[in-house]
Protein backbone atom coordinates (compact mmCIF):
# COMPACT_ATOMS: atom_id res chain seq x y z
CA UNK A 1 86.71 115.18 96.68
CA UNK A 2 88.91 114.72 93.43
CA UNK A 3 91.82 116.61 95.06
CA UNK A 4 91.92 113.93 97.93
CA UNK A 5 93.07 110.20 96.73
CA UNK A 6 93.22 107.02 98.90
CA UNK A 7 95.49 103.95 98.84
CA UNK A 8 93.81 101.20 101.23
CA UNK A 9 96.35 98.76 102.56
CA UNK A 10 94.74 95.54 103.86
CA UNK A 11 91.65 96.74 101.90
CA UNK A 12 89.79 93.12 102.35
CA UNK A 13 86.71 92.97 100.76
CA UNK A 14 86.78 97.26 100.19
CA UNK A 15 84.29 97.95 102.76
CA UNK A 16 86.20 100.74 103.96
CA UNK A 17 87.05 101.96 100.71
CA UNK A 18 83.43 101.65 99.53
CA UNK A 19 82.49 104.17 102.56
CA UNK A 20 85.33 106.68 101.67
CA UNK A 21 84.20 106.44 98.11
CA UNK A 22 80.87 107.26 98.94
CA UNK A 23 81.77 110.14 101.04
CA UNK A 24 83.59 111.52 98.01
CA UNK A 25 87.05 110.58 98.28
CA UNK A 26 88.82 109.10 95.09
CA UNK A 27 90.07 105.53 95.71
CA UNK A 28 93.46 105.13 94.05
CA UNK A 29 94.18 101.49 94.75
CA UNK A 30 93.87 98.63 97.50
CA UNK A 31 96.27 96.03 98.52
CA UNK A 32 95.87 92.97 100.16
CA UNK A 33 97.47 89.52 100.36
CA UNK A 34 94.14 87.65 99.84
CA UNK A 35 93.25 87.06 96.22
CA UNK A 36 89.43 86.50 97.05
CA UNK A 37 89.49 90.17 97.84
CA UNK A 38 90.28 91.35 94.06
CA UNK A 39 86.69 90.75 92.76
CA UNK A 40 84.98 92.62 95.35
CA UNK A 41 87.38 95.62 95.34
CA UNK A 42 87.67 95.93 91.60
CA UNK A 43 83.75 95.40 90.80
CA UNK A 44 82.68 97.56 93.45
CA UNK A 45 85.31 100.06 93.90
CA UNK A 46 86.63 100.46 90.13
CA UNK A 47 90.26 100.88 91.19
CA UNK A 48 93.34 98.96 91.09
CA UNK A 49 93.89 95.86 93.27
CA UNK A 50 97.37 94.75 94.15
CA UNK A 51 97.76 91.28 95.50
CA UNK A 52 100.74 91.50 97.60
CA UNK A 53 102.18 91.17 101.15
CA UNK A 54 102.45 94.56 102.63
CA UNK A 55 105.75 93.59 103.78
CA UNK A 56 106.91 93.91 100.35
CA UNK A 57 105.18 96.88 99.31
CA UNK A 58 107.43 100.14 98.93
CA UNK A 59 106.55 103.89 99.01
CA UNK A 60 107.56 104.11 95.36
CA UNK A 61 104.57 101.66 94.75
CA UNK A 62 102.18 103.73 96.80
CA UNK A 63 103.34 107.01 95.09
CA UNK A 64 102.65 105.64 91.72
CA UNK A 65 99.07 105.10 92.51
CA UNK A 66 98.88 108.63 94.41
CA UNK A 67 100.15 110.21 91.01
CA UNK A 68 99.76 114.05 91.37
CA UNK A 69 96.97 114.17 93.58
CA UNK A 70 97.10 117.06 96.01
CA UNK A 71 96.13 115.42 99.37
CA UNK A 72 97.35 111.77 99.94
CA UNK A 73 95.49 109.72 102.30
CA UNK A 74 96.76 106.04 103.39
CA UNK A 75 94.26 104.01 105.08
CA UNK A 76 94.67 100.67 106.76
CA UNK A 77 93.26 98.01 109.02
CA UNK A 78 96.00 95.53 109.93
CA UNK A 79 94.78 92.00 110.69
CA UNK A 80 92.98 92.34 114.17
CA UNK A 81 93.49 88.54 115.11
CA UNK A 82 96.60 89.12 116.86
CA UNK A 83 95.22 91.67 119.40
CA UNK A 84 91.78 89.90 119.79
CA UNK A 85 91.92 88.02 122.88
CA UNK A 86 95.32 86.26 122.28
CA UNK A 87 97.39 85.11 125.15
CA UNK A 88 100.70 87.16 125.25
CA UNK A 89 102.55 83.88 124.31
CA UNK A 90 100.25 83.08 121.53
CA UNK A 91 100.62 86.63 120.35
CA UNK A 92 104.58 86.59 120.83
CA UNK A 93 104.67 83.78 118.15
CA UNK A 94 102.28 85.61 115.97
CA UNK A 95 104.13 87.46 113.18
CA UNK A 96 100.78 89.48 112.18
CA UNK A 97 101.32 91.86 114.95
CA UNK A 98 104.18 93.15 112.84
CA UNK A 99 101.88 94.31 110.17
CA UNK A 100 101.12 97.42 112.29
CA UNK A 101 104.86 98.40 112.35
CA UNK A 102 104.95 97.66 108.50
CA UNK A 103 102.10 100.02 108.22
CA UNK A 104 104.15 102.76 109.91
CA UNK A 105 106.79 102.19 107.93
CA UNK A 106 104.88 102.84 104.81
CA UNK A 107 103.64 106.21 106.40
CA UNK A 108 107.04 107.50 107.06
CA UNK A 109 108.47 106.41 103.74
CA UNK A 110 105.71 107.61 101.52
CA UNK A 111 104.58 110.71 103.72
CA UNK A 112 101.04 111.02 102.82
CA UNK A 113 99.17 113.93 104.07
CA UNK A 114 96.24 111.96 106.01
CA UNK A 115 96.45 108.37 107.77
CA UNK A 116 93.40 106.54 108.99
CA UNK A 117 93.39 103.32 110.90
CA UNK A 118 90.88 101.10 112.43
CA UNK A 119 91.14 98.10 114.79
CA UNK A 120 89.96 96.13 117.72
CA UNK A 121 90.03 98.25 121.10
CA UNK A 122 92.31 95.68 122.86
CA UNK A 123 95.18 96.95 120.42
CA UNK A 124 94.88 100.31 122.62
CA UNK A 125 96.15 98.73 125.66
CA UNK A 126 99.25 97.14 124.16
CA UNK A 127 102.68 98.84 124.05
CA UNK A 128 102.63 98.53 120.46
CA UNK A 129 99.98 101.10 120.31
CA UNK A 130 101.77 103.45 122.00
CA UNK A 131 104.74 102.99 119.93
CA UNK A 132 102.71 103.37 116.66
CA UNK A 133 101.16 106.76 117.94
CA UNK A 134 104.66 108.22 118.78
CA UNK A 135 105.99 106.97 115.51
CA UNK A 136 103.14 109.03 113.71
CA UNK A 137 103.86 112.12 116.11
CA UNK A 138 107.70 111.90 115.39
CA UNK A 139 106.80 111.81 111.70
CA UNK A 140 105.13 115.22 112.15
CA UNK A 141 101.32 114.09 112.42
CA UNK A 142 98.89 115.27 114.56
CA UNK A 143 97.07 112.62 115.99
CA UNK A 144 93.40 111.77 116.98
CA UNK A 145 92.16 108.39 118.19
CA UNK A 146 89.25 106.92 120.22
CA UNK A 147 87.52 103.52 120.85
CA UNK A 148 84.05 104.17 119.26
CA UNK A 149 80.71 102.77 119.77
CA UNK A 150 79.79 101.83 115.80
CA UNK A 151 76.12 101.63 116.57
CA UNK A 152 76.30 105.59 116.86
CA UNK A 153 78.19 105.77 113.27
CA UNK A 154 75.41 104.11 111.25
CA UNK A 155 76.52 100.45 112.00
CA UNK A 156 73.71 98.28 113.13
CA UNK A 157 75.68 96.37 115.55
CA UNK A 158 76.91 96.41 119.03
CA UNK A 159 80.60 97.00 117.71
CA UNK A 160 83.37 98.77 119.39
CA UNK A 161 86.44 99.53 117.33
CA UNK A 162 89.69 101.62 117.63
CA UNK A 163 89.54 104.51 115.00
CA UNK A 164 92.65 106.67 114.50
CA UNK A 165 92.69 109.65 112.20
CA UNK A 166 96.08 111.59 111.66
CA UNK A 167 97.22 114.40 109.57
CA UNK A 168 100.43 116.34 108.67
CA UNK A 169 98.24 119.54 107.43
CA UNK A 170 96.97 120.20 111.05
CA UNK A 171 94.56 119.00 113.83
CA UNK A 172 92.18 116.48 112.81
CA UNK A 173 88.90 115.65 114.49
CA UNK A 174 87.24 111.99 114.88
CA UNK A 175 83.98 111.24 112.91
CA UNK A 176 80.99 112.75 113.97
CA UNK A 177 78.29 110.48 115.72
CA UNK A 178 74.85 110.19 114.41
CA UNK A 179 71.91 111.59 116.53
CA UNK A 180 69.07 109.32 117.28
CA UNK A 181 68.64 105.61 118.26
CA UNK A 182 71.02 103.11 116.38
CA UNK A 183 69.53 101.07 113.63
CA UNK A 184 67.72 97.98 114.93
CA UNK A 185 68.04 94.26 113.31
CA UNK A 186 64.35 94.92 112.28
CA UNK A 187 65.12 97.74 110.46
CA UNK A 188 67.99 96.24 108.47
CA UNK A 189 66.91 92.89 107.54
CA UNK A 190 63.12 92.62 108.86
CA UNK A 191 61.93 92.91 105.31
CA UNK A 192 63.85 90.02 103.73
CA UNK A 193 62.13 86.88 102.37
CA UNK A 194 61.77 84.29 104.94
CA UNK A 195 63.80 80.98 104.18
CA UNK A 196 64.47 77.73 106.17
CA UNK A 197 67.70 76.57 107.35
CA UNK A 198 69.68 75.02 104.57
CA UNK A 199 68.02 77.04 101.73
CA UNK A 200 68.92 79.67 99.27
CA UNK A 201 66.61 82.33 97.90
CA UNK A 202 65.70 81.87 94.30
CA UNK A 203 66.54 85.73 93.59
CA UNK A 204 69.31 86.29 95.79
CA UNK A 205 72.33 83.82 95.86
CA UNK A 206 73.63 85.42 98.90
CA UNK A 207 70.38 84.99 100.96
CA UNK A 208 71.61 81.49 101.97
CA UNK A 209 71.72 79.63 105.13
CA UNK A 210 73.66 76.66 106.53
CA UNK A 211 71.56 73.56 107.46
CA UNK A 212 70.93 72.77 111.21
CA UNK A 213 71.36 69.36 112.52
CA UNK A 214 68.12 67.93 113.95
CA UNK A 215 69.65 68.64 117.58
CA UNK A 216 70.61 72.54 116.79
CA UNK A 217 66.76 72.57 115.16
CA UNK A 218 65.37 71.59 118.33
CA UNK A 219 67.64 73.99 120.11
CA UNK A 220 66.72 76.93 118.23
CA UNK A 221 63.43 76.58 118.46
CA UNK A 222 63.68 76.61 122.18
CA UNK A 223 65.78 79.89 121.87
CA UNK A 224 64.31 83.16 122.65
CA UNK A 225 65.42 86.70 121.42
CA UNK A 226 68.28 87.97 123.54
CA UNK A 227 67.87 84.67 125.51
CA UNK A 228 70.57 82.31 126.30
CA UNK A 229 71.13 78.33 126.04
CA UNK A 230 70.58 78.53 129.94
CA UNK A 231 67.00 78.37 128.98
CA UNK A 232 66.90 75.18 127.27
CA UNK A 233 66.25 71.96 129.12
CA UNK A 234 69.39 70.29 130.37
CA UNK A 235 69.16 67.37 128.10
CA UNK A 236 69.72 69.83 125.10
CA UNK A 237 72.91 71.37 126.55
CA UNK A 238 76.24 71.12 124.74
CA UNK A 239 78.84 69.22 126.83
CA UNK A 240 80.89 72.31 126.90
CA UNK A 241 78.16 74.34 128.93
CA UNK A 242 78.45 72.12 131.54
CA UNK A 243 82.35 72.96 132.11
CA UNK A 244 83.11 76.12 134.13
CA UNK A 245 84.73 77.78 130.98
CA UNK A 246 81.56 77.12 129.18
CA UNK A 247 79.27 78.74 131.71
CA UNK A 248 80.92 82.07 130.86
CA UNK A 249 79.73 82.16 127.31
CA UNK A 250 76.18 82.55 127.59
CA UNK A 251 76.07 84.40 124.10
CA UNK A 252 76.59 81.22 121.87
CA UNK A 253 73.42 79.47 120.39
CA UNK A 254 71.46 82.86 120.89
CA UNK A 255 69.05 84.74 118.90
CA UNK A 256 69.21 88.18 117.97
CA UNK A 257 66.55 90.90 118.96
CA UNK A 258 64.21 92.46 116.55
CA UNK A 259 64.34 95.96 118.20
CA UNK A 260 68.33 96.29 119.24
CA UNK A 261 71.41 96.32 116.79
CA UNK A 262 73.18 92.77 115.98
CA UNK A 263 75.78 91.53 118.15
CA UNK A 264 79.40 91.93 116.41
CA UNK A 265 79.28 90.24 112.90
CA UNK A 266 82.21 87.93 112.87
CA UNK A 267 83.79 85.58 110.28
CA UNK A 268 81.50 82.89 111.18
CA UNK A 269 78.31 84.64 111.90
CA UNK A 270 76.39 81.81 109.45
CA UNK A 271 76.87 79.48 112.21
CA UNK A 272 74.24 79.13 115.08
CA UNK A 273 76.34 77.89 117.45
CA UNK A 274 79.15 80.59 116.99
CA UNK A 275 77.63 83.60 118.66
CA UNK A 276 74.26 85.20 119.14
CA UNK A 277 73.81 84.77 115.38
CA UNK A 278 70.20 82.93 115.34
CA UNK A 279 67.69 84.73 113.37
CA UNK A 280 65.12 86.58 115.60
CA UNK A 281 62.19 84.44 114.75
CA UNK A 282 63.04 82.15 111.95
CA UNK A 283 64.60 78.68 112.92
CA UNK A 284 68.05 79.37 111.47
CA UNK A 285 71.25 81.29 111.73
CA UNK A 286 71.22 84.43 109.55
CA UNK A 287 72.10 84.38 105.94
CA UNK A 288 75.14 85.47 104.11
CA UNK A 289 73.07 88.45 102.77
CA UNK A 290 71.76 89.46 106.32
CA UNK A 291 75.28 89.47 107.70
CA UNK A 292 76.42 91.86 104.89
CA UNK A 293 73.36 94.32 105.46
CA UNK A 294 74.24 93.99 109.34
CA UNK A 295 77.69 94.99 108.25
CA UNK A 296 76.32 98.07 106.55
CA UNK A 297 77.03 96.65 102.88
CA UNK A 298 74.51 98.08 100.45
CA UNK A 299 72.21 95.17 98.86
CA UNK A 300 74.03 95.89 95.33
CA UNK A 301 77.35 94.96 96.55
CA UNK A 302 78.99 92.10 94.84
CA UNK A 303 81.20 89.72 96.83
CA UNK A 304 81.91 86.94 94.03
CA UNK A 305 81.22 86.87 90.39
CA UNK A 306 77.46 85.92 89.35
CA UNK A 307 77.15 82.18 89.07
CA UNK A 308 80.06 81.30 91.07
CA UNK A 309 79.21 78.48 93.83
CA UNK A 310 78.93 80.22 97.34
CA UNK A 311 81.30 79.34 99.82
CA UNK A 312 80.01 80.13 103.24
CA UNK A 313 83.73 80.15 104.72
CA UNK A 314 85.12 82.38 101.87
CA UNK A 315 82.38 84.83 102.00
CA UNK A 316 81.81 84.80 105.70
CA UNK A 317 85.58 85.81 105.95
CA UNK A 318 85.18 88.54 103.57
CA UNK A 319 82.19 90.13 105.35
CA UNK A 320 83.40 89.56 109.05
CA UNK A 321 86.72 90.91 108.43
CA UNK A 322 85.39 94.02 106.52
CA UNK A 323 85.52 97.48 107.89
CA UNK A 324 81.83 98.33 107.85
CA UNK A 325 81.13 100.86 104.97
CA UNK A 326 79.11 103.05 107.15
CA UNK A 327 82.07 103.66 109.45
CA UNK A 328 84.36 104.37 106.42
CA UNK A 329 81.76 106.87 105.20
CA UNK A 330 81.84 108.67 108.44
CA UNK A 331 85.69 108.57 108.42
CA UNK A 332 85.57 109.97 104.78
CA UNK A 333 83.30 112.61 105.90
CA UNK A 334 85.85 113.82 108.56
CA UNK A 335 88.55 113.72 106.23
CA UNK A 336 86.50 116.02 103.82
CA UNK A 337 85.85 118.48 106.55
CA UNK A 338 89.57 118.56 107.53
CA UNK A 339 90.91 119.36 104.39
CA UNK A 340 88.20 121.79 103.55
CA UNK A 341 88.70 123.48 106.67
CA UNK A 342 92.66 123.57 106.11
CA UNK A 343 91.88 124.86 102.55
CA UNK A 344 89.67 127.64 103.62
CA UNK A 345 92.46 128.90 106.14
CA UNK A 346 95.13 128.78 103.47
CA UNK A 347 92.70 130.79 101.30
CA UNK A 348 91.97 133.22 104.04
CA UNK A 349 95.59 133.70 105.03
CA UNK A 350 96.78 134.41 101.26
CA UNK A 351 93.90 136.94 100.95
CA UNK A 352 95.17 138.57 104.29
CA UNK A 353 98.66 138.90 102.81
CA UNK A 354 97.43 140.06 99.21
CA UNK A 355 95.39 143.00 101.06
């Protein structure tokens, strides 16, 4: 809708913006500190990218991007690492938790009509989250939030995320879940060409995989979909598997299952030992392209300029840190429904007084 404009703070590789744009919203700008995000944002969204720390972003800057649009939406996904399994002591020295409060500052100063935010479920259990929600309510927002199972919202992963929508226009509802079974790994990546570990497909530079050591190649050959390293011969197990802590992590060095959603895609999904990221039947970890597709990025999405040397670490970070575009689309749909409902009510009210 041309009357709704979005500024995406912590925009990353534009996953959220891409989904919002597909739902019909206009993306006015994206803001992120990571320079690697510029190319995917500007190329796939066609909007201005501001490389800047959110702490130094002003309300005047945001409103210059919004211009004269009728409905202003401020979107954000503050880095989730401070809320993902950190100990209290570690979190206390990690300044990134303050970014959520910086986002609240921008909301209060720029006064958008609608706010949306996505983060890890753990955040909802922290006093910081309570303070954030109260801050929105004190600023005049109607707030809705919930931890959602994203496999029910078009994302082919077992991924749970905290999603918030807030509006100064009136009560706003969260996205509506899809009907039917979630998409499976087979449906999403089953038709991609087969490649070996350490290979790159000639027609797709992102359909590339990391090489495996001889020991890990032997391990993945012993691995079954949805199985664990506990099924390997003891001689193949890593030293950490024999520790008390290691025994509680059966999902590392695992294969995905063809007929189930993928596990949560992380920034290191391209490594066989980093989770259940082994291909269901080929003896390798999933490729960068497969990770992007399982994050619900379209095949045409560009992460780096053509011809640039592929960096697994950089592209893995862009893909793994992204808000899945399919979730962005569902959030965009919810915003459009909300604005249309409010607009219809305003028209009806005005017609009533005209009579």
